[in-house]
Amino acid sequence: MTFHLFVSSCLAFIALLQATQQIKSHFIIEFPRLEREVTEKFGADKALHVGALEDTLNLLENKSIHEQLLGVNAFFDEHIQYATDDIVFKEKDYWATPSELFGHSRGDCEDYAIAKYIALLHLGIDSAKLRLIYVKAKIGRSRVTQAHMVLGYYDSPSSDPLVLDSLVSNVLPGSQRTDLIPVFSFNDSGIWQPGQKTQVSSSTSRLSRWRDVIERMKKEGISRRS
């Protein structure tokens, strides 16, 4: 084997290995199981949201990533009403699964971000390009801020993310969202500090609510698949 052929073979193997790792990082929604969960806990009328999501993702399957981001963002804007945890769950801070979000037809910023994240992973978008971002959101023109969460799509680790926000219908680059001050971001593998290209730690080991919601989603038919 020539050196050039050897290098080519190595590169092909690495590409295959990376592709396999990316596939393993995807979450898949078992729609029949999720529909049963929602029906049993919240009623058949609430389970209609599940069928609507499946239809929407089927339509978006072969679209561009930008169209998928817009489509998923629009779906949850249309089907879910924004409401805080103290109203929906009678708790100060609760991270809902998609089943619970559909069941109540209401949720707050974390619930929207988690559901959009799962929907986009189901479409095949690499989880390395998606992060849930904790931010301080400016209120109006004042200096007052409040804790908020959005979902960001990063074309590359250093790129300006496209922001999917439960309170803003447009999907805009982060550079245009001057009302948001990033605190940290995470996905199902790691945590990042603002402006950093490499993760600082494991998200499931550091974020108990994130670890808990991932475990609860598994029982509803949403989990990693190879």
Protein backbone atom coordinates (compact mmCIF):
# COMPACT_ATOMS: atom_id res chain seq x y z
CA MET A 1 0.00 0.00 0.00
CA THR A 2 1.39 3.43 -0.96
CA PHE A 3 1.64 6.21 1.63
CA HIS A 4 -0.99 8.22 -0.23
CA LEU A 5 -3.40 5.28 -0.21
CA PHE A 6 -2.68 4.64 3.47
CA VAL A 7 -3.48 8.26 4.36
CA SER A 8 -6.65 8.15 2.27
CA SER A 9 -7.77 4.96 4.04
CA CYS A 10 -7.09 6.53 7.45
CA LEU A 11 -9.06 9.64 6.55
CA ALA A 12 -11.95 7.52 5.32
CA PHE A 13 -11.94 5.53 8.56
CA ILE A 14 -11.89 8.69 10.66
CA ALA A 15 -14.79 10.14 8.66
CA LEU A 16 -16.75 6.92 9.18
CA LEU A 17 -15.97 6.96 12.89
CA GLN A 18 -17.09 10.58 13.21
CA ALA A 19 -20.29 9.84 11.31
CA THR A 20 -21.01 6.94 13.65
CA GLN A 21 -20.42 9.14 16.70
CA GLN A 22 -22.77 11.77 15.29
CA ILE A 23 -25.50 9.21 14.77
CA LYS A 24 -25.11 8.04 18.36
CA SER A 25 -25.57 11.63 19.58
CA HIS A 26 -29.07 11.86 18.06
CA PHE A 27 -32.31 11.49 19.96
CA ILE A 28 -35.20 9.69 18.30
CA ILE A 29 -38.87 10.18 19.14
CA GLU A 30 -40.99 7.02 19.21
CA PHE A 31 -44.23 8.75 18.25
CA PRO A 32 -46.67 5.89 19.03
CA ARG A 33 -45.20 5.55 22.52
CA LEU A 34 -45.17 9.31 23.12
CA GLU A 35 -48.77 9.55 21.92
CA ARG A 36 -49.82 6.81 24.36
CA GLU A 37 -48.06 8.60 27.21
CA VAL A 38 -49.85 11.86 26.50
CA THR A 39 -53.22 10.15 25.99
CA GLU A 40 -53.01 8.16 29.24
CA LYS A 41 -51.88 11.10 31.36
CA PHE A 42 -53.64 14.06 29.76
CA GLY A 43 -56.31 12.83 27.33
CA ALA A 44 -56.71 12.11 23.63
CA ASP A 45 -57.25 15.76 22.74
CA LYS A 46 -53.78 16.67 24.02
CA ALA A 47 -52.25 13.77 22.07
CA LEU A 48 -53.27 15.54 18.86
CA HIS A 49 -50.19 17.73 19.38
CA VAL A 50 -48.01 14.63 19.05
CA GLY A 51 -49.52 13.68 15.70
CA ALA A 52 -49.16 17.25 14.50
CA LEU A 53 -45.47 17.25 15.45
CA GLU A 54 -44.89 13.96 13.63
CA ASP A 55 -46.56 15.35 10.50
CA THR A 56 -44.51 18.54 10.72
CA LEU A 57 -41.20 16.71 11.11
CA ASN A 58 -42.06 14.39 8.21
CA LEU A 59 -42.63 17.46 6.01
CA LEU A 60 -39.34 19.02 7.18
CA GLU A 61 -37.27 15.84 6.82
CA ASN A 62 -35.73 16.68 3.44
CA LYS A 63 -35.66 20.46 3.84
CA SER A 64 -32.59 22.61 4.43
CA ILE A 65 -31.38 23.10 7.99
CA HIS A 66 -32.55 26.71 7.93
CA GLU A 67 -36.05 25.61 6.89
CA GLN A 68 -36.02 22.97 9.64
CA LEU A 69 -35.09 25.57 12.25
CA LEU A 70 -37.87 27.87 11.08
CA GLY A 71 -40.40 25.04 10.86
CA VAL A 72 -39.72 23.65 14.33
CA ASN A 73 -39.71 27.11 15.88
CA ALA A 74 -43.05 27.96 14.21
CA PHE A 75 -44.62 24.66 15.29
CA PHE A 76 -44.11 25.25 19.00
CA ASP A 77 -45.10 28.91 18.71
CA GLU A 78 -48.39 27.75 17.19
CA HIS A 79 -49.18 24.81 19.47
CA ILE A 80 -47.86 25.88 22.88
CA GLN A 81 -48.81 28.86 25.01
CA TYR A 82 -46.12 30.50 27.12
CA ALA A 83 -46.71 30.19 30.88
CA THR A 84 -44.41 30.15 33.90
CA ASP A 85 -43.71 27.09 36.06
CA ASP A 86 -45.57 28.43 39.09
CA ILE A 87 -48.75 28.57 37.02
CA VAL A 88 -48.39 25.27 35.11
CA PHE A 89 -46.56 23.02 37.59
CA LYS A 90 -46.96 24.91 40.88
CA GLU A 91 -43.18 24.91 41.22
CA LYS A 92 -40.55 27.63 41.08
CA ASP A 93 -38.38 25.92 38.45
CA TYR A 94 -39.46 22.77 36.61
CA TRP A 95 -38.06 21.39 33.32
CA ALA A 96 -40.85 19.65 31.43
CA THR A 97 -40.56 16.77 29.00
CA PRO A 98 -42.26 17.09 25.58
CA SER A 99 -45.04 14.84 26.91
CA GLU A 100 -45.71 17.23 29.78
CA LEU A 101 -45.43 20.25 27.50
CA PHE A 102 -48.04 18.81 25.13
CA GLY A 103 -50.18 17.60 28.01
CA HIS A 104 -50.51 21.08 29.49
CA SER A 105 -50.27 22.90 26.13
CA ARG A 106 -48.25 25.46 28.09
CA GLY A 107 -44.66 25.86 29.19
CA ASP A 108 -41.86 28.30 29.84
CA CYS A 109 -38.57 29.04 28.08
CA GLU A 110 -36.76 25.87 29.21
CA ASP A 111 -39.66 23.67 28.12
CA TYR A 112 -39.75 25.25 24.65
CA ALA A 113 -35.96 24.99 24.25
CA ILE A 114 -35.86 21.32 25.29
CA ALA A 115 -38.73 20.34 22.97
CA LYS A 116 -37.20 22.20 19.99
CA TYR A 117 -33.82 20.60 20.71
CA ILE A 118 -35.33 17.10 20.67
CA ALA A 119 -37.36 17.80 17.52
CA LEU A 120 -34.29 19.02 15.62
CA LEU A 121 -32.21 16.05 16.77
CA HIS A 122 -34.96 13.76 15.52
CA LEU A 123 -34.59 15.43 12.11
CA GLY A 124 -30.94 14.41 12.12
CA ILE A 125 -29.21 17.66 13.04
CA ASP A 126 -25.95 16.92 14.86
CA SER A 127 -26.27 17.64 18.58
CA ALA A 128 -22.80 19.24 18.46
CA LYS A 129 -24.42 22.08 16.51
CA LEU A 130 -27.24 22.64 19.00
CA ARG A 131 -27.00 24.14 22.46
CA LEU A 132 -29.49 25.28 25.03
CA ILE A 133 -28.27 28.72 26.11
CA TYR A 134 -28.86 30.31 29.50
CA VAL A 135 -29.00 34.07 29.07
CA LYS A 136 -29.86 37.25 30.91
CA ALA A 137 -32.63 38.88 28.89
CA LYS A 138 -32.99 42.64 29.05
CA ILE A 139 -36.49 43.84 29.84
CA GLY A 140 -37.46 46.60 27.43
CA ARG A 141 -35.01 49.49 27.35
CA SER A 142 -34.16 49.22 31.02
CA ARG A 143 -31.03 47.72 32.56
CA VAL A 144 -33.13 45.15 34.36
CA THR A 145 -32.60 41.53 33.22
CA GLN A 146 -34.28 38.21 33.90
CA ALA A 147 -33.07 34.63 33.58
CA HIS A 148 -34.09 33.10 30.26
CA MET A 149 -33.23 30.12 28.03
CA VAL A 150 -33.08 29.90 24.24
CA LEU A 151 -31.88 27.29 21.75
CA GLY A 152 -28.91 28.07 19.52
CA TYR A 153 -27.82 26.47 16.25
CA TYR A 154 -24.05 26.74 15.60
CA ASP A 155 -22.93 25.96 12.06
CA SER A 156 -19.41 25.69 13.53
CA PRO A 157 -18.10 25.97 17.12
CA SER A 158 -17.04 29.59 16.52
CA SER A 159 -19.99 30.73 14.38
CA ASP A 160 -22.67 33.23 15.33
CA PRO A 161 -25.59 31.03 16.47
CA LEU A 162 -29.10 31.25 15.11
CA VAL A 163 -31.40 31.76 18.09
CA LEU A 164 -34.76 30.03 18.58
CA ASP A 165 -36.61 31.90 21.31
CA SER A 166 -39.97 31.16 22.94
CA LEU A 167 -40.69 34.90 23.19
CA VAL A 168 -39.58 35.97 19.69
CA SER A 169 -41.09 34.39 16.57
CA ASN A 170 -38.17 35.20 14.25
CA VAL A 171 -35.05 33.03 14.16
CA LEU A 172 -32.24 35.59 14.29
CA PRO A 173 -28.43 35.49 14.56
CA GLY A 174 -27.16 35.95 18.09
CA SER A 175 -25.35 39.14 17.04
CA GLN A 176 -28.76 40.70 16.35
CA ARG A 177 -30.13 39.69 19.75
CA THR A 178 -28.48 42.48 21.72
CA ASP A 179 -31.14 42.00 24.39
CA LEU A 180 -29.58 38.64 25.37
CA ILE A 181 -26.45 38.28 27.50
CA PRO A 182 -25.10 34.67 27.37
CA VAL A 183 -24.25 33.03 30.70
CA PHE A 184 -23.43 29.47 29.57
CA SER A 185 -24.67 26.91 27.06
CA PHE A 186 -25.05 23.13 27.05
CA ASN A 187 -26.34 20.11 25.15
CA ASP A 188 -26.57 16.41 26.00
CA SER A 189 -22.77 16.05 26.08
CA GLY A 190 -21.20 19.18 27.54
CA ILE A 191 -21.23 22.72 28.93
CA TRP A 192 -19.63 25.78 27.33
CA GLN A 193 -18.71 29.20 28.70
CA PRO A 194 -19.50 32.23 26.47
CA GLY A 195 -17.00 32.61 23.64
CA GLN A 196 -15.33 29.24 24.27
CA LYS A 197 -15.03 26.61 21.51
CA THR A 198 -14.41 23.64 23.82
CA GLN A 199 -16.68 22.32 26.54
CA VAL A 200 -15.69 22.74 30.17
CA SER A 201 -17.49 19.72 31.65
CA SER A 202 -20.24 17.13 31.22
CA SER A 203 -23.75 18.58 31.23
CA THR A 204 -25.44 15.56 32.80
CA SER A 205 -22.99 15.48 35.70
CA ARG A 206 -23.26 19.21 36.44
CA LEU A 207 -26.92 19.94 35.67
CA SER A 208 -29.25 17.80 37.76
CA ARG A 209 -32.44 19.12 36.13
CA TRP A 210 -31.04 18.31 32.67
CA ARG A 211 -30.03 14.80 33.79
CA ASP A 212 -33.49 14.30 35.32
CA VAL A 213 -35.43 15.43 32.24
CA ILE A 214 -33.33 13.16 29.98
CA GLU A 215 -34.18 10.18 32.20
CA ARG A 216 -37.87 11.05 32.21
CA MET A 217 -37.90 11.44 28.42
CA LYS A 218 -36.55 7.91 28.03
CA LYS A 219 -39.70 6.58 29.71
CA GLU A 220 -41.78 8.50 27.18
CA GLY A 221 -40.05 7.08 24.10
CA ILE A 222 -37.42 9.77 23.55
CA SER A 223 -33.84 8.55 23.77
CA ARG A 224 -30.45 8.23 22.09
CA ARG A 225 -30.33 5.80 19.20
CA SER A 226 -27.42 4.39 17.18
